[in-house]
N, C-alpha and C. Protein backbone atom coordinates (compact mmCIF):
# COMPACT_ATOMS: atom_id res chain seq x y z
N MET A 1 0.85 -1.17 0.00
CA MET A 1 0.00 0.00 0.00
C MET A 1 0.90 1.23 0.00
N LYS A 2 0.59 2.18 -0.86
CA LYS A 2 1.31 3.46 -0.92
C LYS A 2 0.37 4.57 -0.47
N HIS A 3 0.92 5.53 0.29
CA HIS A 3 0.12 6.62 0.84
C HIS A 3 0.74 7.96 0.46
N PHE A 4 -0.12 8.95 0.26
CA PHE A 4 0.32 10.29 -0.11
C PHE A 4 -0.51 11.33 0.62
N MET A 5 0.13 12.45 0.94
CA MET A 5 -0.59 13.60 1.46
C MET A 5 -0.42 14.74 0.46
N ILE A 6 -1.53 15.31 0.04
CA ILE A 6 -1.53 16.45 -0.87
C ILE A 6 -1.96 17.66 -0.06
N ARG A 7 -1.14 18.72 -0.07
CA ARG A 7 -1.44 19.91 0.74
C ARG A 7 -1.40 21.16 -0.13
N TYR A 8 -2.29 22.10 0.20
CA TYR A 8 -2.31 23.38 -0.49
C TYR A 8 -3.21 24.33 0.29
N GLU A 9 -3.11 25.59 -0.07
CA GLU A 9 -4.02 26.61 0.47
C GLU A 9 -4.98 27.01 -0.64
N PHE A 10 -6.26 26.98 -0.35
CA PHE A 10 -7.29 27.36 -1.32
C PHE A 10 -7.19 28.86 -1.59
N LYS A 11 -7.01 29.24 -2.87
CA LYS A 11 -6.81 30.64 -3.23
C LYS A 11 -7.76 31.15 -4.31
N ASN A 12 -8.30 30.26 -5.15
CA ASN A 12 -9.09 30.70 -6.30
C ASN A 12 -10.40 29.94 -6.41
N GLY A 13 -11.48 30.67 -6.69
CA GLY A 13 -12.79 30.05 -6.88
C GLY A 13 -13.62 30.10 -5.62
N THR A 14 -14.70 29.31 -5.63
CA THR A 14 -15.57 29.24 -4.45
C THR A 14 -15.39 27.88 -3.80
N THR A 15 -15.48 27.87 -2.49
CA THR A 15 -15.32 26.59 -1.79
C THR A 15 -16.45 25.63 -2.16
N GLU A 16 -17.65 26.15 -2.39
CA GLU A 16 -18.77 25.28 -2.75
C GLU A 16 -18.47 24.53 -4.05
N ALA A 17 -17.98 25.27 -5.06
CA ALA A 17 -17.67 24.64 -6.35
C ALA A 17 -16.52 23.64 -6.20
N TRP A 18 -15.54 23.99 -5.39
CA TRP A 18 -14.40 23.10 -5.18
C TRP A 18 -14.83 21.82 -4.47
N HIS A 19 -15.68 21.95 -3.48
CA HIS A 19 -16.14 20.75 -2.76
C HIS A 19 -16.96 19.85 -3.68
N GLN A 20 -17.70 20.44 -4.60
CA GLN A 20 -18.44 19.63 -5.58
C GLN A 20 -17.46 18.90 -6.51
N GLU A 21 -16.38 19.59 -6.89
CA GLU A 21 -15.36 18.98 -7.75
C GLU A 21 -14.70 17.79 -7.03
N ILE A 22 -14.40 17.96 -5.77
CA ILE A 22 -13.82 16.88 -4.97
C ILE A 22 -14.78 15.69 -4.94
N GLY A 23 -16.06 15.95 -4.72
CA GLY A 23 -17.07 14.89 -4.72
C GLY A 23 -17.15 14.16 -6.04
N ARG A 24 -17.06 14.90 -7.15
CA ARG A 24 -17.09 14.26 -8.48
C ARG A 24 -15.87 13.36 -8.67
N PHE A 25 -14.72 13.82 -8.21
CA PHE A 25 -13.50 13.02 -8.34
C PHE A 25 -13.62 11.71 -7.55
N ILE A 26 -14.07 11.80 -6.33
CA ILE A 26 -14.23 10.61 -5.50
C ILE A 26 -15.25 9.66 -6.11
N LYS A 27 -16.34 10.20 -6.62
CA LYS A 27 -17.36 9.36 -7.27
C LYS A 27 -16.78 8.67 -8.50
N ALA A 28 -15.95 9.39 -9.26
CA ALA A 28 -15.34 8.79 -10.46
C ALA A 28 -14.44 7.62 -10.07
N ILE A 29 -13.70 7.76 -8.98
CA ILE A 29 -12.88 6.64 -8.51
C ILE A 29 -13.78 5.46 -8.14
N ASP A 30 -14.82 5.73 -7.35
CA ASP A 30 -15.72 4.67 -6.91
C ASP A 30 -16.47 4.01 -8.07
N ASP A 31 -16.71 4.76 -9.14
CA ASP A 31 -17.45 4.23 -10.29
C ASP A 31 -16.55 3.50 -11.29
N ASP A 32 -15.25 3.61 -11.15
CA ASP A 32 -14.31 2.99 -12.08
C ASP A 32 -14.05 1.55 -11.63
N PRO A 33 -14.45 0.55 -12.44
CA PRO A 33 -14.31 -0.84 -12.01
C PRO A 33 -12.86 -1.28 -11.76
N GLU A 34 -11.90 -0.64 -12.41
CA GLU A 34 -10.49 -1.00 -12.19
C GLU A 34 -9.90 -0.35 -10.94
N LEU A 35 -10.55 0.69 -10.44
CA LEU A 35 -10.03 1.43 -9.29
C LEU A 35 -10.81 1.21 -8.00
N LYS A 36 -12.10 0.92 -8.14
CA LYS A 36 -12.95 0.77 -6.96
C LYS A 36 -12.37 -0.25 -5.99
N GLY A 37 -12.25 0.15 -4.72
CA GLY A 37 -11.73 -0.73 -3.69
C GLY A 37 -10.21 -0.82 -3.66
N ARG A 38 -9.55 -0.16 -4.60
CA ARG A 38 -8.09 -0.21 -4.66
C ARG A 38 -7.46 1.14 -4.33
N ILE A 39 -8.32 2.16 -4.13
CA ILE A 39 -7.85 3.50 -3.78
C ILE A 39 -8.68 4.01 -2.62
N GLY A 40 -7.99 4.54 -1.62
CA GLY A 40 -8.65 5.25 -0.53
C GLY A 40 -8.36 6.73 -0.71
N TYR A 41 -9.36 7.58 -0.55
CA TYR A 41 -9.15 9.01 -0.75
C TYR A 41 -9.99 9.79 0.24
N ARG A 42 -9.35 10.68 0.97
CA ARG A 42 -10.05 11.55 1.91
C ARG A 42 -9.59 12.98 1.68
N CYS A 43 -10.50 13.90 1.80
CA CYS A 43 -10.16 15.32 1.74
C CYS A 43 -10.55 15.94 3.07
N LEU A 44 -9.60 16.65 3.66
CA LEU A 44 -9.84 17.34 4.93
C LEU A 44 -9.44 18.80 4.77
N LYS A 45 -10.01 19.64 5.62
CA LYS A 45 -9.74 21.07 5.57
C LYS A 45 -9.53 21.58 6.99
N ASN A 46 -8.55 22.44 7.14
CA ASN A 46 -8.36 23.12 8.42
C ASN A 46 -9.61 23.96 8.67
N ARG A 47 -10.23 23.81 9.82
CA ARG A 47 -11.48 24.54 10.12
C ARG A 47 -11.28 26.04 10.17
N ASP A 48 -10.06 26.48 10.51
CA ASP A 48 -9.83 27.90 10.77
C ASP A 48 -9.25 28.68 9.60
N ASP A 49 -8.91 28.02 8.51
CA ASP A 49 -8.38 28.74 7.36
C ASP A 49 -8.61 27.93 6.08
N GLY A 50 -7.94 28.27 5.02
CA GLY A 50 -8.17 27.64 3.72
C GLY A 50 -7.17 26.56 3.36
N HIS A 51 -6.52 25.95 4.34
CA HIS A 51 -5.57 24.88 4.06
C HIS A 51 -6.28 23.54 3.94
N TYR A 52 -5.98 22.84 2.85
CA TYR A 52 -6.58 21.53 2.57
C TYR A 52 -5.53 20.45 2.65
N PHE A 53 -5.97 19.25 3.04
CA PHE A 53 -5.13 18.07 3.14
C PHE A 53 -5.89 16.91 2.51
N HIS A 54 -5.31 16.30 1.53
CA HIS A 54 -5.91 15.12 0.91
C HIS A 54 -5.03 13.93 1.25
N LEU A 55 -5.64 12.86 1.72
CA LEU A 55 -4.93 11.63 2.03
C LEU A 55 -5.34 10.57 1.02
N ALA A 56 -4.36 10.09 0.27
CA ALA A 56 -4.63 9.11 -0.77
C ALA A 56 -3.84 7.84 -0.49
N SER A 57 -4.48 6.71 -0.71
CA SER A 57 -3.82 5.40 -0.58
C SER A 57 -4.13 4.59 -1.83
N VAL A 58 -3.11 3.95 -2.36
CA VAL A 58 -3.29 3.07 -3.52
C VAL A 58 -2.69 1.71 -3.18
N THR A 59 -3.28 0.67 -3.71
CA THR A 59 -2.85 -0.68 -3.36
C THR A 59 -1.48 -1.02 -3.94
N ASP A 60 -1.15 -0.47 -5.13
CA ASP A 60 0.11 -0.82 -5.77
C ASP A 60 0.42 0.16 -6.91
N ASP A 61 1.59 -0.02 -7.51
CA ASP A 61 2.03 0.87 -8.59
C ASP A 61 1.09 0.80 -9.80
N ALA A 62 0.59 -0.39 -10.10
CA ALA A 62 -0.30 -0.53 -11.26
C ALA A 62 -1.58 0.28 -11.06
N THR A 63 -2.12 0.27 -9.86
CA THR A 63 -3.33 1.06 -9.56
C THR A 63 -3.03 2.55 -9.70
N GLN A 64 -1.89 2.97 -9.19
CA GLN A 64 -1.50 4.38 -9.30
C GLN A 64 -1.39 4.79 -10.76
N LYS A 65 -0.78 3.96 -11.59
CA LYS A 65 -0.64 4.26 -13.02
C LYS A 65 -1.99 4.29 -13.71
N THR A 66 -2.87 3.38 -13.33
CA THR A 66 -4.22 3.37 -13.92
C THR A 66 -4.94 4.66 -13.58
N LEU A 67 -4.89 5.07 -12.31
CA LEU A 67 -5.52 6.33 -11.91
C LEU A 67 -4.95 7.50 -12.70
N GLN A 68 -3.64 7.58 -12.79
CA GLN A 68 -2.99 8.70 -13.47
C GLN A 68 -3.30 8.73 -14.97
N SER A 69 -3.73 7.61 -15.53
CA SER A 69 -4.07 7.56 -16.95
C SER A 69 -5.49 8.06 -17.24
N ARG A 70 -6.30 8.18 -16.21
CA ARG A 70 -7.70 8.55 -16.40
C ARG A 70 -7.85 10.06 -16.66
N ASP A 71 -8.74 10.42 -17.58
CA ASP A 71 -9.00 11.83 -17.87
C ASP A 71 -9.53 12.56 -16.65
N PHE A 72 -10.37 11.90 -15.84
CA PHE A 72 -10.91 12.58 -14.65
C PHE A 72 -9.81 12.91 -13.66
N PHE A 73 -8.76 12.09 -13.59
CA PHE A 73 -7.63 12.40 -12.71
C PHE A 73 -6.86 13.61 -13.23
N LYS A 74 -6.61 13.64 -14.53
CA LYS A 74 -5.87 14.76 -15.13
C LYS A 74 -6.63 16.07 -14.92
N HIS A 75 -7.94 16.03 -15.10
CA HIS A 75 -8.78 17.21 -14.89
C HIS A 75 -8.71 17.66 -13.42
N TYR A 76 -8.83 16.72 -12.51
CA TYR A 76 -8.81 17.03 -11.08
C TYR A 76 -7.45 17.59 -10.65
N GLN A 77 -6.39 17.01 -11.17
CA GLN A 77 -5.05 17.49 -10.87
C GLN A 77 -4.88 18.94 -11.35
N GLU A 78 -5.38 19.22 -12.54
CA GLU A 78 -5.33 20.60 -13.08
C GLU A 78 -6.16 21.55 -12.24
N MET A 79 -7.35 21.12 -11.83
CA MET A 79 -8.21 21.97 -11.01
C MET A 79 -7.60 22.22 -9.63
N THR A 80 -6.94 21.21 -9.08
CA THR A 80 -6.28 21.38 -7.77
C THR A 80 -5.21 22.45 -7.88
N ARG A 81 -4.39 22.40 -8.91
CA ARG A 81 -3.36 23.44 -9.11
C ARG A 81 -4.00 24.81 -9.26
N LYS A 82 -5.12 24.86 -9.96
CA LYS A 82 -5.80 26.14 -10.20
C LYS A 82 -6.31 26.74 -8.89
N VAL A 83 -7.02 25.96 -8.08
CA VAL A 83 -7.58 26.51 -6.84
C VAL A 83 -6.48 26.85 -5.85
N ALA A 84 -5.32 26.21 -5.99
CA ALA A 84 -4.20 26.44 -5.07
C ALA A 84 -3.25 27.52 -5.57
N GLY A 85 -3.57 28.15 -6.69
CA GLY A 85 -2.66 29.14 -7.23
C GLY A 85 -1.33 28.55 -7.66
N GLY A 86 -1.34 27.27 -8.04
CA GLY A 86 -0.15 26.60 -8.54
C GLY A 86 0.75 26.01 -7.48
N GLU A 87 0.40 26.17 -6.22
CA GLU A 87 1.27 25.70 -5.13
C GLU A 87 0.66 24.50 -4.43
N VAL A 88 1.01 23.31 -4.91
CA VAL A 88 0.51 22.05 -4.35
C VAL A 88 1.71 21.20 -3.96
N THR A 89 1.67 20.64 -2.77
CA THR A 89 2.74 19.76 -2.30
C THR A 89 2.20 18.34 -2.17
N VAL A 90 2.86 17.40 -2.82
CA VAL A 90 2.51 15.98 -2.71
C VAL A 90 3.66 15.28 -2.00
N THR A 91 3.34 14.66 -0.87
CA THR A 91 4.35 14.02 -0.05
C THR A 91 4.03 12.54 0.13
N PRO A 92 4.95 11.65 -0.27
CA PRO A 92 4.74 10.23 0.05
C PRO A 92 4.85 10.07 1.57
N ILE A 93 3.92 9.35 2.16
CA ILE A 93 3.94 9.15 3.60
C ILE A 93 3.90 7.66 3.91
N GLU A 94 4.32 7.30 5.09
CA GLU A 94 4.40 5.90 5.50
C GLU A 94 3.45 5.65 6.67
N MET A 95 2.66 4.61 6.56
CA MET A 95 1.75 4.21 7.63
C MET A 95 2.54 3.47 8.69
N ILE A 96 2.44 3.92 9.93
CA ILE A 96 3.11 3.25 11.04
C ILE A 96 2.15 2.31 11.75
N ASP A 97 0.94 2.80 12.07
CA ASP A 97 -0.05 1.98 12.74
C ASP A 97 -1.40 2.68 12.65
N GLN A 98 -2.45 2.01 13.02
CA GLN A 98 -3.78 2.60 12.99
C GLN A 98 -4.71 1.82 13.90
N THR A 99 -5.83 2.42 14.22
CA THR A 99 -6.83 1.74 15.03
C THR A 99 -7.52 0.66 14.20
N ALA A 100 -8.08 -0.31 14.87
CA ALA A 100 -8.78 -1.39 14.17
C ALA A 100 -10.05 -0.87 13.51
N ASP A 101 -10.58 0.26 13.98
CA ASP A 101 -11.83 0.80 13.48
C ASP A 101 -11.62 1.78 12.33
N SER A 102 -10.42 1.86 11.80
CA SER A 102 -10.12 2.82 10.73
C SER A 102 -10.89 2.48 9.46
N SER A 103 -11.31 3.50 8.72
CA SER A 103 -11.98 3.27 7.44
C SER A 103 -10.97 2.95 6.35
N PHE A 104 -9.70 3.02 6.66
CA PHE A 104 -8.65 2.60 5.72
C PHE A 104 -8.18 1.20 6.05
N ARG A 105 -9.11 0.31 6.33
CA ARG A 105 -8.76 -1.07 6.69
C ARG A 105 -7.82 -1.66 5.65
N GLY A 106 -6.86 -2.38 6.13
CA GLY A 106 -5.92 -3.05 5.24
C GLY A 106 -4.91 -2.11 4.62
N ALA A 107 -4.84 -0.88 5.09
CA ALA A 107 -3.96 0.10 4.48
C ALA A 107 -2.52 -0.01 4.94
N ARG A 108 -2.24 -0.86 5.86
CA ARG A 108 -0.85 -1.01 6.34
C ARG A 108 0.00 -1.75 5.38
């Protein structure tokens, strides 16, 4: 399992439109038969400002390549850069441990 954190500050557009875009992206992953169940994706926002954190998990390199080949991923990646004013940080992260009740079951 590979994990990533995507971080940026929201700078352009409306939060309502951006949240709808995030929802469409997640739905596209869930609707894709090759990706469903092989990618975990969460979007979180700092309550006190415009900083966003996306946590992504993929089962393997092949799944990551499949996702990156999809038009909906390319569109979402472009939109993320746009709302962030071009400043997006993607960091590979390592899972150390988690609770048994985590919604990212099997992510270790």
